[in-house]
């Protein structure tokens, strides 16, 4: 949901700032039993 994605974005930003070098990302969502996100929020996150 939004809270989980916001936390992921925060951690990614912290890692990108700390490491300086680019790194690839892998997300495993197999354990998620539901997704509660709307299209507007996804676009907002993408642009951010």
ModelCIF file with pLDDT and N, C-alpha, C, O atoms, coordinates in Angstrom:
data_MODEL
#
_entry.id   MODEL 
#
_entity.id                         1 
_entity.type                       polymer 
_entity.pdbx_number_of_molecules   1 
#
_entity_poly.entity_id                      1 
_entity_poly.type                           'polypeptide(L)' 
_entity_poly.nstd_linkage                   no 
_entity_poly.nstd_monomer                   no 
_entity_poly.pdbx_seq_one_letter_code       
;(UNK)(UNK)(UNK)(UNK)(UNK)(UNK)(UNK)(UNK)(UNK)(UNK)(UNK)(UNK)(UNK)(UNK)(UNK)(UNK)
(UNK)(UNK)(UNK)(UNK)(UNK)(UNK)(UNK)(UNK)(UNK)(UNK)(UNK)(UNK)(UNK)(UNK)(UNK)(UNK)
(UNK)(UNK)(UNK)(UNK)(UNK)(UNK)(UNK)(UNK)(UNK)(UNK)(UNK)(UNK)(UNK)(UNK)(UNK)(UNK)
;
_entity_poly.pdbx_seq_one_letter_code_can   XXXXXXXXXXXXXXXXXXXXXXXXXXXXXXXXXXXXXXXXXXXXXXXX 
_entity_poly.pdbx_strand_id                 A 
#
loop_
_entity_poly_seq.entity_id 
_entity_poly_seq.num 
_entity_poly_seq.mon_id 
_entity_poly_seq.hetero 
1 1  UNK n 
1 2  UNK n 
1 3  UNK n 
1 4  UNK n 
1 5  UNK n 
1 6  UNK n 
1 7  UNK n 
1 8  UNK n 
1 9  UNK n 
1 10 UNK n 
1 11 UNK n 
1 12 UNK n 
1 13 UNK n 
1 14 UNK n 
1 15 UNK n 
1 16 UNK n 
1 17 UNK n 
1 18 UNK n 
1 19 UNK n 
1 20 UNK n 
1 21 UNK n 
1 22 UNK n 
1 23 UNK n 
1 24 UNK n 
1 25 UNK n 
1 26 UNK n 
1 27 UNK n 
1 28 UNK n 
1 29 UNK n 
1 30 UNK n 
1 31 UNK n 
1 32 UNK n 
1 33 UNK n 
1 34 UNK n 
1 35 UNK n 
1 36 UNK n 
1 37 UNK n 
1 38 UNK n 
1 39 UNK n 
1 40 UNK n 
1 41 UNK n 
1 42 UNK n 
1 43 UNK n 
1 44 UNK n 
1 45 UNK n 
1 46 UNK n 
1 47 UNK n 
1 48 UNK n 
#
_struct_asym.id          A 
_struct_asym.entity_id   1 
#
loop_
_ma_qa_metric.id 
_ma_qa_metric.mode 
_ma_qa_metric.name 
_ma_qa_metric.software_group_id 
_ma_qa_metric.type 
1 global pLDDT . pLDDT 
2 local  pLDDT . pLDDT 
#
_ma_qa_metric_global.metric_id      1 
_ma_qa_metric_global.metric_value   92.40 
_ma_qa_metric_global.model_id       1 
_ma_qa_metric_global.ordinal_id     1 
#
loop_
_ma_qa_metric_local.label_asym_id 
_ma_qa_metric_local.label_comp_id 
_ma_qa_metric_local.label_seq_id 
_ma_qa_metric_local.metric_id 
_ma_qa_metric_local.metric_value 
_ma_qa_metric_local.model_id 
_ma_qa_metric_local.ordinal_id 
A UNK 1  2 95.00 1 1  
A UNK 2  2 97.00 1 2  
A UNK 3  2 97.00 1 3  
A UNK 4  2 95.00 1 4  
A UNK 5  2 95.00 1 5  
A UNK 6  2 96.00 1 6  
A UNK 7  2 95.00 1 7  
A UNK 8  2 93.00 1 8  
A UNK 9  2 93.00 1 9  
A UNK 10 2 94.00 1 10 
A UNK 11 2 94.00 1 11 
A UNK 12 2 91.00 1 12 
A UNK 13 2 91.00 1 13 
A UNK 14 2 93.00 1 14 
A UNK 15 2 93.00 1 15 
A UNK 16 2 90.00 1 16 
A UNK 17 2 90.00 1 17 
A UNK 18 2 95.00 1 18 
A UNK 19 2 91.00 1 19 
A UNK 20 2 80.00 1 20 
A UNK 21 2 89.00 1 21 
A UNK 22 2 91.00 1 22 
A UNK 23 2 93.00 1 23 
A UNK 24 2 94.00 1 24 
A UNK 25 2 92.00 1 25 
A UNK 26 2 94.00 1 26 
A UNK 27 2 91.00 1 27 
A UNK 28 2 91.00 1 28 
A UNK 29 2 88.00 1 29 
A UNK 30 2 88.00 1 30 
A UNK 31 2 87.00 1 31 
A UNK 32 2 88.00 1 32 
A UNK 33 2 86.00 1 33 
A UNK 34 2 88.00 1 34 
A UNK 35 2 89.00 1 35 
A UNK 36 2 94.00 1 36 
A UNK 37 2 94.00 1 37 
A UNK 38 2 96.00 1 38 
A UNK 39 2 95.00 1 39 
A UNK 40 2 96.00 1 40 
A UNK 41 2 96.00 1 41 
A UNK 42 2 94.00 1 42 
A UNK 43 2 96.00 1 43 
A UNK 44 2 95.00 1 44 
A UNK 45 2 94.00 1 45 
A UNK 46 2 92.00 1 46 
A UNK 47 2 94.00 1 47 
A UNK 48 2 92.00 1 48 
#
loop_
_atom_site.group_PDB 
_atom_site.id 
_atom_site.type_symbol 
_atom_site.label_atom_id 
_atom_site.label_alt_id 
_atom_site.label_comp_id 
_atom_site.label_asym_id 
_atom_site.label_entity_id 
_atom_site.label_seq_id 
_atom_site.pdbx_PDB_ins_code 
_atom_site.Cartn_x 
_atom_site.Cartn_y 
_atom_site.Cartn_z 
_atom_site.occupancy 
_atom_site.B_iso_or_equiv 
_atom_site.pdbx_formal_charge 
_atom_site.auth_seq_id 
_atom_site.auth_comp_id 
_atom_site.auth_asym_id 
_atom_site.auth_atom_id 
_atom_site.pdbx_PDB_model_num 
ATOM 1   N N  . UNK A 1 1  ? 0.845  -1.194  0.000   1.00 95.00 ? 1  UNK A N  1 
ATOM 2   C CA . UNK A 1 1  ? 0.000  0.000   0.000   1.00 95.00 ? 1  UNK A CA 1 
ATOM 3   C C  . UNK A 1 1  ? 0.881  1.244   0.000   1.00 95.00 ? 1  UNK A C  1 
ATOM 4   O O  . UNK A 1 1  ? 2.102  1.138   -0.114  1.00 95.00 ? 1  UNK A O  1 
ATOM 5   N N  . UNK A 1 2  ? 0.277  2.412   0.126   1.00 97.00 ? 2  UNK A N  1 
ATOM 6   C CA . UNK A 1 2  ? 1.036  3.664   0.068   1.00 97.00 ? 2  UNK A CA 1 
ATOM 7   C C  . UNK A 1 2  ? 2.113  3.727   1.143   1.00 97.00 ? 2  UNK A C  1 
ATOM 8   O O  . UNK A 1 2  ? 3.227  4.174   0.870   1.00 97.00 ? 2  UNK A O  1 
ATOM 9   N N  . UNK A 1 3  ? 1.805  3.294   2.346   1.00 97.00 ? 3  UNK A N  1 
ATOM 10  C CA . UNK A 1 3  ? 2.781  3.343   3.436   1.00 97.00 ? 3  UNK A CA 1 
ATOM 11  C C  . UNK A 1 3  ? 4.010  2.490   3.112   1.00 97.00 ? 3  UNK A C  1 
ATOM 12  O O  . UNK A 1 3  ? 5.140  2.911   3.363   1.00 97.00 ? 3  UNK A O  1 
ATOM 13  N N  . UNK A 1 4  ? 3.797  1.307   2.560   1.00 95.00 ? 4  UNK A N  1 
ATOM 14  C CA . UNK A 1 4  ? 4.907  0.420   2.204   1.00 95.00 ? 4  UNK A CA 1 
ATOM 15  C C  . UNK A 1 4  ? 5.734  1.043   1.085   1.00 95.00 ? 4  UNK A C  1 
ATOM 16  O O  . UNK A 1 4  ? 6.963  1.061   1.156   1.00 95.00 ? 4  UNK A O  1 
ATOM 17  N N  . UNK A 1 5  ? 5.071  1.550   0.060   1.00 95.00 ? 5  UNK A N  1 
ATOM 18  C CA . UNK A 1 5  ? 5.790  2.158   -1.062  1.00 95.00 ? 5  UNK A CA 1 
ATOM 19  C C  . UNK A 1 5  ? 6.550  3.396   -0.595  1.00 95.00 ? 5  UNK A C  1 
ATOM 20  O O  . UNK A 1 5  ? 7.680  3.617   -1.029  1.00 95.00 ? 5  UNK A O  1 
ATOM 21  N N  . UNK A 1 6  ? 5.962  4.200   0.271   1.00 96.00 ? 6  UNK A N  1 
ATOM 22  C CA . UNK A 1 6  ? 6.662  5.382   0.791   1.00 96.00 ? 6  UNK A CA 1 
ATOM 23  C C  . UNK A 1 6  ? 7.931  4.983   1.538   1.00 96.00 ? 6  UNK A C  1 
ATOM 24  O O  . UNK A 1 6  ? 8.956  5.653   1.418   1.00 96.00 ? 6  UNK A O  1 
ATOM 25  N N  . UNK A 1 7  ? 7.871  3.911   2.298   1.00 95.00 ? 7  UNK A N  1 
ATOM 26  C CA . UNK A 1 7  ? 9.058  3.434   3.017   1.00 95.00 ? 7  UNK A CA 1 
ATOM 27  C C  . UNK A 1 7  ? 10.118 2.941   2.040   1.00 95.00 ? 7  UNK A C  1 
ATOM 28  O O  . UNK A 1 7  ? 11.305 3.209   2.230   1.00 95.00 ? 7  UNK A O  1 
ATOM 29  N N  . UNK A 1 8  ? 9.711  2.235   1.014   1.00 93.00 ? 8  UNK A N  1 
ATOM 30  C CA . UNK A 1 8  ? 10.651 1.756   -0.009  1.00 93.00 ? 8  UNK A CA 1 
ATOM 31  C C  . UNK A 1 8  ? 11.329 2.938   -0.683  1.00 93.00 ? 8  UNK A C  1 
ATOM 32  O O  . UNK A 1 8  ? 12.544 2.928   -0.880  1.00 93.00 ? 8  UNK A O  1 
ATOM 33  N N  . UNK A 1 9  ? 10.553 3.958   -1.039  1.00 93.00 ? 9  UNK A N  1 
ATOM 34  C CA . UNK A 1 9  ? 11.106 5.151   -1.692  1.00 93.00 ? 9  UNK A CA 1 
ATOM 35  C C  . UNK A 1 9  ? 12.122 5.834   -0.784  1.00 93.00 ? 9  UNK A C  1 
ATOM 36  O O  . UNK A 1 9  ? 13.179 6.266   -1.245  1.00 93.00 ? 9  UNK A O  1 
ATOM 37  N N  . UNK A 1 10 ? 11.808 5.930   0.497   1.00 94.00 ? 10 UNK A N  1 
ATOM 38  C CA . UNK A 1 10 ? 12.717 6.554   1.455   1.00 94.00 ? 10 UNK A CA 1 
ATOM 39  C C  . UNK A 1 10 ? 14.033 5.784   1.533   1.00 94.00 ? 10 UNK A C  1 
ATOM 40  O O  . UNK A 1 10 ? 15.109 6.380   1.484   1.00 94.00 ? 10 UNK A O  1 
ATOM 41  N N  . UNK A 1 11 ? 13.947 4.470   1.654   1.00 94.00 ? 11 UNK A N  1 
ATOM 42  C CA . UNK A 1 11 ? 15.156 3.651   1.743   1.00 94.00 ? 11 UNK A CA 1 
ATOM 43  C C  . UNK A 1 11 ? 15.969 3.742   0.455   1.00 94.00 ? 11 UNK A C  1 
ATOM 44  O O  . UNK A 1 11 ? 17.193 3.862   0.508   1.00 94.00 ? 11 UNK A O  1 
ATOM 45  N N  . UNK A 1 12 ? 15.313 3.686   -0.689  1.00 91.00 ? 12 UNK A N  1 
ATOM 46  C CA . UNK A 1 12 ? 16.022 3.818   -1.967  1.00 91.00 ? 12 UNK A CA 1 
ATOM 47  C C  . UNK A 1 12 ? 16.774 5.141   -2.049  1.00 91.00 ? 12 UNK A C  1 
ATOM 48  O O  . UNK A 1 12 ? 17.939 5.180   -2.444  1.00 91.00 ? 12 UNK A O  1 
ATOM 49  N N  . UNK A 1 13 ? 16.101 6.219   -1.675  1.00 91.00 ? 13 UNK A N  1 
ATOM 50  C CA . UNK A 1 13 ? 16.744 7.535   -1.696  1.00 91.00 ? 13 UNK A CA 1 
ATOM 51  C C  . UNK A 1 13 ? 17.952 7.589   -0.785  1.00 91.00 ? 13 UNK A C  1 
ATOM 52  O O  . UNK A 1 13 ? 18.982 8.156   -1.149  1.00 91.00 ? 13 UNK A O  1 
ATOM 53  N N  . UNK A 1 14 ? 17.836 7.001   0.404   1.00 93.00 ? 14 UNK A N  1 
ATOM 54  C CA . UNK A 1 14 ? 18.960 6.974   1.338   1.00 93.00 ? 14 UNK A CA 1 
ATOM 55  C C  . UNK A 1 14 ? 20.128 6.162   0.774   1.00 93.00 ? 14 UNK A C  1 
ATOM 56  O O  . UNK A 1 14 ? 21.282 6.576   0.882   1.00 93.00 ? 14 UNK A O  1 
ATOM 57  N N  . UNK A 1 15 ? 19.827 5.005   0.173   1.00 93.00 ? 15 UNK A N  1 
ATOM 58  C CA . UNK A 1 15 ? 20.879 4.178   -0.410  1.00 93.00 ? 15 UNK A CA 1 
ATOM 59  C C  . UNK A 1 15 ? 21.546 4.871   -1.595  1.00 93.00 ? 15 UNK A C  1 
ATOM 60  O O  . UNK A 1 15 ? 22.770 4.836   -1.725  1.00 93.00 ? 15 UNK A O  1 
ATOM 61  N N  . UNK A 1 16 ? 20.755 5.495   -2.453  1.00 90.00 ? 16 UNK A N  1 
ATOM 62  C CA . UNK A 1 16 ? 21.319 6.197   -3.618  1.00 90.00 ? 16 UNK A CA 1 
ATOM 63  C C  . UNK A 1 16 ? 22.224 7.342   -3.172  1.00 90.00 ? 16 UNK A C  1 
ATOM 64  O O  . UNK A 1 16 ? 23.256 7.593   -3.795  1.00 90.00 ? 16 UNK A O  1 
ATOM 65  N N  . UNK A 1 17 ? 21.854 8.025   -2.121  1.00 90.00 ? 17 UNK A N  1 
ATOM 66  C CA . UNK A 1 17 ? 22.667 9.120   -1.608  1.00 90.00 ? 17 UNK A CA 1 
ATOM 67  C C  . UNK A 1 17 ? 23.948 8.591   -0.957  1.00 90.00 ? 17 UNK A C  1 
ATOM 68  O O  . UNK A 1 17 ? 25.020 9.169   -1.141  1.00 90.00 ? 17 UNK A O  1 
ATOM 69  N N  . UNK A 1 18 ? 23.845 7.511   -0.209  1.00 95.00 ? 18 UNK A N  1 
ATOM 70  C CA . UNK A 1 18 ? 24.994 6.966   0.511   1.00 95.00 ? 18 UNK A CA 1 
ATOM 71  C C  . UNK A 1 18 ? 26.021 6.311   -0.417  1.00 95.00 ? 18 UNK A C  1 
ATOM 72  O O  . UNK A 1 18 ? 27.224 6.496   -0.233  1.00 95.00 ? 18 UNK A O  1 
ATOM 73  N N  . UNK A 1 19 ? 25.552 5.539   -1.422  1.00 91.00 ? 19 UNK A N  1 
ATOM 74  C CA . UNK A 1 19 ? 26.475 4.775   -2.251  1.00 91.00 ? 19 UNK A CA 1 
ATOM 75  C C  . UNK A 1 19 ? 27.074 5.548   -3.415  1.00 91.00 ? 19 UNK A C  1 
ATOM 76  O O  . UNK A 1 19 ? 28.153 5.196   -3.893  1.00 91.00 ? 19 UNK A O  1 
ATOM 77  N N  . UNK A 1 20 ? 26.414 6.570   -3.870  1.00 80.00 ? 20 UNK A N  1 
ATOM 78  C CA . UNK A 1 20 ? 26.889 7.388   -4.996  1.00 80.00 ? 20 UNK A CA 1 
ATOM 79  C C  . UNK A 1 20 ? 26.927 6.621   -6.322  1.00 80.00 ? 20 UNK A C  1 
ATOM 80  O O  . UNK A 1 20 ? 26.577 7.188   -7.358  1.00 80.00 ? 20 UNK A O  1 
ATOM 81  N N  . UNK A 1 21 ? 27.333 5.369   -6.320  1.00 89.00 ? 21 UNK A N  1 
ATOM 82  C CA . UNK A 1 21 ? 27.369 4.569   -7.547  1.00 89.00 ? 21 UNK A CA 1 
ATOM 83  C C  . UNK A 1 21 ? 25.995 3.947   -7.791  1.00 89.00 ? 21 UNK A C  1 
ATOM 84  O O  . UNK A 1 21 ? 25.320 3.555   -6.839  1.00 89.00 ? 21 UNK A O  1 
ATOM 85  N N  . UNK A 1 22 ? 25.572 3.852   -9.059  1.00 91.00 ? 22 UNK A N  1 
ATOM 86  C CA . UNK A 1 22 ? 24.269 3.233   -9.352  1.00 91.00 ? 22 UNK A CA 1 
ATOM 87  C C  . UNK A 1 22 ? 24.275 1.746   -9.020  1.00 91.00 ? 22 UNK A C  1 
ATOM 88  O O  . UNK A 1 22 ? 25.313 1.087   -9.084  1.00 91.00 ? 22 UNK A O  1 
ATOM 89  N N  . UNK A 1 23 ? 23.109 1.231   -8.665  1.00 93.00 ? 23 UNK A N  1 
ATOM 90  C CA . UNK A 1 23 ? 22.962 -0.195  -8.385  1.00 93.00 ? 23 UNK A CA 1 
ATOM 91  C C  . UNK A 1 23 ? 21.609 -0.654  -8.904  1.00 93.00 ? 23 UNK A C  1 
ATOM 92  O O  . UNK A 1 23 ? 20.643 0.110   -8.912  1.00 93.00 ? 23 UNK A O  1 
ATOM 93  N N  . UNK A 1 24 ? 21.547 -1.905  -9.336  1.00 94.00 ? 24 UNK A N  1 
ATOM 94  C CA . UNK A 1 24 ? 20.309 -2.471  -9.859  1.00 94.00 ? 24 UNK A CA 1 
ATOM 95  C C  . UNK A 1 24 ? 19.376 -2.826  -8.714  1.00 94.00 ? 24 UNK A C  1 
ATOM 96  O O  . UNK A 1 24 ? 19.816 -3.037  -7.584  1.00 94.00 ? 24 UNK A O  1 
ATOM 97  N N  . UNK A 1 25 ? 18.070 -2.891  -9.017  1.00 92.00 ? 25 UNK A N  1 
ATOM 98  C CA . UNK A 1 25 ? 17.063 -3.170  -8.005  1.00 92.00 ? 25 UNK A CA 1 
ATOM 99  C C  . UNK A 1 25 ? 16.315 -4.457  -8.329  1.00 92.00 ? 25 UNK A C  1 
ATOM 100 O O  . UNK A 1 25 ? 16.033 -4.746  -9.492  1.00 92.00 ? 25 UNK A O  1 
ATOM 101 N N  . UNK A 1 26 ? 16.000 -5.221  -7.301  1.00 94.00 ? 26 UNK A N  1 
ATOM 102 C CA . UNK A 1 26 ? 15.182 -6.415  -7.452  1.00 94.00 ? 26 UNK A CA 1 
ATOM 103 C C  . UNK A 1 26 ? 14.142 -6.410  -6.337  1.00 94.00 ? 26 UNK A C  1 
ATOM 104 O O  . UNK A 1 26 ? 14.489 -6.305  -5.161  1.00 94.00 ? 26 UNK A O  1 
ATOM 105 N N  . UNK A 1 27 ? 12.886 -6.520  -6.700  1.00 91.00 ? 27 UNK A N  1 
ATOM 106 C CA . UNK A 1 27 ? 11.794 -6.550  -5.721  1.00 91.00 ? 27 UNK A CA 1 
ATOM 107 C C  . UNK A 1 27 ? 11.057 -7.876  -5.832  1.00 91.00 ? 27 UNK A C  1 
ATOM 108 O O  . UNK A 1 27 ? 10.624 -8.271  -6.914  1.00 91.00 ? 27 UNK A O  1 
ATOM 109 N N  . UNK A 1 28 ? 10.922 -8.547  -4.714  1.00 91.00 ? 28 UNK A N  1 
ATOM 110 C CA . UNK A 1 28 ? 10.205 -9.821  -4.671  1.00 91.00 ? 28 UNK A CA 1 
ATOM 111 C C  . UNK A 1 28 ? 8.864  -9.570  -3.973  1.00 91.00 ? 28 UNK A C  1 
ATOM 112 O O  . UNK A 1 28 ? 8.819  -9.374  -2.758  1.00 91.00 ? 28 UNK A O  1 
ATOM 113 N N  . UNK A 1 29 ? 7.785  -9.576  -4.740  1.00 88.00 ? 29 UNK A N  1 
ATOM 114 C CA . UNK A 1 29 ? 6.455  -9.316  -4.186  1.00 88.00 ? 29 UNK A CA 1 
ATOM 115 C C  . UNK A 1 29 ? 5.605  -10.578 -4.088  1.00 88.00 ? 29 UNK A C  1 
ATOM 116 O O  . UNK A 1 29 ? 4.392  -10.500 -3.890  1.00 88.00 ? 29 UNK A O  1 
ATOM 117 N N  . UNK A 1 30 ? 6.238  -11.737 -4.226  1.00 88.00 ? 30 UNK A N  1 
ATOM 118 C CA . UNK A 1 30 ? 5.501  -12.998 -4.194  1.00 88.00 ? 30 UNK A CA 1 
ATOM 119 C C  . UNK A 1 30 ? 4.762  -13.168 -2.869  1.00 88.00 ? 30 UNK A C  1 
ATOM 120 O O  . UNK A 1 30 ? 3.676  -13.746 -2.844  1.00 88.00 ? 30 UNK A O  1 
ATOM 121 N N  . UNK A 1 31 ? 5.330  -12.676 -1.771  1.00 87.00 ? 31 UNK A N  1 
ATOM 122 C CA . UNK A 1 31 ? 4.699  -12.820 -0.462  1.00 87.00 ? 31 UNK A CA 1 
ATOM 123 C C  . UNK A 1 31 ? 3.545  -11.863 -0.216  1.00 87.00 ? 31 UNK A C  1 
ATOM 124 O O  . UNK A 1 31 ? 2.815  -12.020 0.763   1.00 87.00 ? 31 UNK A O  1 
ATOM 125 N N  . UNK A 1 32 ? 3.368  -10.882 -1.076  1.00 88.00 ? 32 UNK A N  1 
ATOM 126 C CA . UNK A 1 32 ? 2.268  -9.928  -0.899  1.00 88.00 ? 32 UNK A CA 1 
ATOM 127 C C  . UNK A 1 32 ? 0.953  -10.589 -1.270  1.00 88.00 ? 32 UNK A C  1 
ATOM 128 O O  . UNK A 1 32 ? 0.841  -11.217 -2.323  1.00 88.00 ? 32 UNK A O  1 
ATOM 129 N N  . UNK A 1 33 ? -0.042 -10.446 -0.403  1.00 86.00 ? 33 UNK A N  1 
ATOM 130 C CA . UNK A 1 33 ? -1.333 -11.064 -0.690  1.00 86.00 ? 33 UNK A CA 1 
ATOM 131 C C  . UNK A 1 33 ? -2.333 -10.090 -1.297  1.00 86.00 ? 33 UNK A C  1 
ATOM 132 O O  . UNK A 1 33 ? -3.407 -10.495 -1.741  1.00 86.00 ? 33 UNK A O  1 
ATOM 133 N N  . UNK A 1 34 ? -1.977 -8.791  -1.317  1.00 88.00 ? 34 UNK A N  1 
ATOM 134 C CA . UNK A 1 34 ? -2.865 -7.789  -1.910  1.00 88.00 ? 34 UNK A CA 1 
ATOM 135 C C  . UNK A 1 34 ? -2.084 -6.524  -2.238  1.00 88.00 ? 34 UNK A C  1 
ATOM 136 O O  . UNK A 1 34 ? -1.024 -6.258  -1.671  1.00 88.00 ? 34 UNK A O  1 
ATOM 137 N N  . UNK A 1 35 ? -2.633 -5.756  -3.164  1.00 89.00 ? 35 UNK A N  1 
ATOM 138 C CA . UNK A 1 35 ? -2.065 -4.453  -3.528  1.00 89.00 ? 35 UNK A CA 1 
ATOM 139 C C  . UNK A 1 35 ? -3.177 -3.431  -3.438  1.00 89.00 ? 35 UNK A C  1 
ATOM 140 O O  . UNK A 1 35 ? -4.248 -3.598  -4.022  1.00 89.00 ? 35 UNK A O  1 
ATOM 141 N N  . UNK A 1 36 ? -2.904 -2.364  -2.691  1.00 94.00 ? 36 UNK A N  1 
ATOM 142 C CA . UNK A 1 36 ? -3.892 -1.292  -2.519  1.00 94.00 ? 36 UNK A CA 1 
ATOM 143 C C  . UNK A 1 36 ? -3.266 0.029   -2.946  1.00 94.00 ? 36 UNK A C  1 
ATOM 144 O O  . UNK A 1 36 ? -2.899 0.857   -2.112  1.00 94.00 ? 36 UNK A O  1 
ATOM 145 N N  . UNK A 1 37 ? -3.150 0.214   -4.260  1.00 94.00 ? 37 UNK A N  1 
ATOM 146 C CA . UNK A 1 37 ? -2.587 1.433   -4.848  1.00 94.00 ? 37 UNK A CA 1 
ATOM 147 C C  . UNK A 1 37 ? -3.489 1.866   -5.998  1.00 94.00 ? 37 UNK A C  1 
ATOM 148 O O  . UNK A 1 37 ? -4.060 1.032   -6.700  1.00 94.00 ? 37 UNK A O  1 
ATOM 149 N N  . UNK A 1 38 ? -3.611 3.174   -6.182  1.00 96.00 ? 38 UNK A N  1 
ATOM 150 C CA . UNK A 1 38 ? -4.388 3.639   -7.320  1.00 96.00 ? 38 UNK A CA 1 
ATOM 151 C C  . UNK A 1 38 ? -3.463 4.211   -8.396  1.00 96.00 ? 38 UNK A C  1 
ATOM 152 O O  . UNK A 1 38 ? -2.290 4.484   -8.143  1.00 96.00 ? 38 UNK A O  1 
ATOM 153 N N  . UNK A 1 39 ? -3.997 4.382   -9.568  1.00 95.00 ? 39 UNK A N  1 
ATOM 154 C CA . UNK A 1 39 ? -3.222 4.827   -10.719 1.00 95.00 ? 39 UNK A CA 1 
ATOM 155 C C  . UNK A 1 39 ? -2.595 6.199   -10.461 1.00 95.00 ? 39 UNK A C  1 
ATOM 156 O O  . UNK A 1 39 ? -1.431 6.414   -10.799 1.00 95.00 ? 39 UNK A O  1 
ATOM 157 N N  . UNK A 1 40 ? -3.336 7.111   -9.877  1.00 96.00 ? 40 UNK A N  1 
ATOM 158 C CA . UNK A 1 40 ? -2.826 8.455   -9.602  1.00 96.00 ? 40 UNK A CA 1 
ATOM 159 C C  . UNK A 1 40 ? -1.586 8.401   -8.702  1.00 96.00 ? 40 UNK A C  1 
ATOM 160 O O  . UNK A 1 40 ? -0.608 9.105   -8.954  1.00 96.00 ? 40 UNK A O  1 
ATOM 161 N N  . UNK A 1 41 ? -1.623 7.577   -7.669  1.00 96.00 ? 41 UNK A N  1 
ATOM 162 C CA . UNK A 1 41 ? -0.491 7.454   -6.760  1.00 96.00 ? 41 UNK A CA 1 
ATOM 163 C C  . UNK A 1 41 ? 0.724  6.866   -7.477  1.00 96.00 ? 41 UNK A C  1 
ATOM 164 O O  . UNK A 1 41 ? 1.846  7.331   -7.274  1.00 96.00 ? 41 UNK A O  1 
ATOM 165 N N  . UNK A 1 42 ? 0.515  5.862   -8.301  1.00 94.00 ? 42 UNK A N  1 
ATOM 166 C CA . UNK A 1 42 ? 1.617  5.239   -9.045  1.00 94.00 ? 42 UNK A CA 1 
ATOM 167 C C  . UNK A 1 42 ? 2.286  6.260   -9.961  1.00 94.00 ? 42 UNK A C  1 
ATOM 168 O O  . UNK A 1 42 ? 3.513  6.302   -10.041 1.00 94.00 ? 42 UNK A O  1 
ATOM 169 N N  . UNK A 1 43 ? 1.505  7.078   -10.646 1.00 96.00 ? 43 UNK A N  1 
ATOM 170 C CA . UNK A 1 43 ? 2.062  8.123   -11.506 1.00 96.00 ? 43 UNK A CA 1 
ATOM 171 C C  . UNK A 1 43 ? 2.847  9.126   -10.665 1.00 96.00 ? 43 UNK A C  1 
ATOM 172 O O  . UNK A 1 43 ? 3.940  9.539   -11.052 1.00 96.00 ? 43 UNK A O  1 
ATOM 173 N N  . UNK A 1 44 ? 2.299  9.519   -9.519  1.00 95.00 ? 44 UNK A N  1 
ATOM 174 C CA . UNK A 1 44 ? 2.967  10.456  -8.606  1.00 95.00 ? 44 UNK A CA 1 
ATOM 175 C C  . UNK A 1 44 ? 4.334  9.909   -8.183  1.00 95.00 ? 44 UNK A C  1 
ATOM 176 O O  . UNK A 1 44 ? 5.333  10.627  -8.225  1.00 95.00 ? 44 UNK A O  1 
ATOM 177 N N  . UNK A 1 45 ? 4.374  8.651   -7.782  1.00 94.00 ? 45 UNK A N  1 
ATOM 178 C CA . UNK A 1 45 ? 5.630  8.028   -7.360  1.00 94.00 ? 45 UNK A CA 1 
ATOM 179 C C  . UNK A 1 45 ? 6.615  7.976   -8.527  1.00 94.00 ? 45 UNK A C  1 
ATOM 180 O O  . UNK A 1 45 ? 7.798  8.266   -8.351  1.00 94.00 ? 45 UNK A O  1 
ATOM 181 N N  . UNK A 1 46 ? 6.143  7.614   -9.699  1.00 92.00 ? 46 UNK A N  1 
ATOM 182 C CA . UNK A 1 46 ? 7.010  7.535   -10.877 1.00 92.00 ? 46 UNK A CA 1 
ATOM 183 C C  . UNK A 1 46 ? 7.643  8.882   -11.196 1.00 92.00 ? 46 UNK A C  1 
ATOM 184 O O  . UNK A 1 46 ? 8.844  8.960   -11.453 1.00 92.00 ? 46 UNK A O  1 
ATOM 185 N N  . UNK A 1 47 ? 6.847  9.934   -11.180 1.00 94.00 ? 47 UNK A N  1 
ATOM 186 C CA . UNK A 1 47 ? 7.376  11.270  -11.461 1.00 94.00 ? 47 UNK A CA 1 
ATOM 187 C C  . UNK A 1 47 ? 8.351  11.728  -10.382 1.00 94.00 ? 47 UNK A C  1 
ATOM 188 O O  . UNK A 1 47 ? 9.375  12.339  -10.687 1.00 94.00 ? 47 UNK A O  1 
ATOM 189 N N  . UNK A 1 48 ? 8.038  11.436  -9.129  1.00 92.00 ? 48 UNK A N  1 
ATOM 190 C CA . UNK A 1 48 ? 8.939  11.795  -8.033  1.00 92.00 ? 48 UNK A CA 1 
ATOM 191 C C  . UNK A 1 48 ? 10.278 11.082  -8.186  1.00 92.00 ? 48 UNK A C  1 
ATOM 192 O O  . UNK A 1 48 ? 11.170 11.258  -7.357  1.00 92.00 ? 48 UNK A O  1 
#
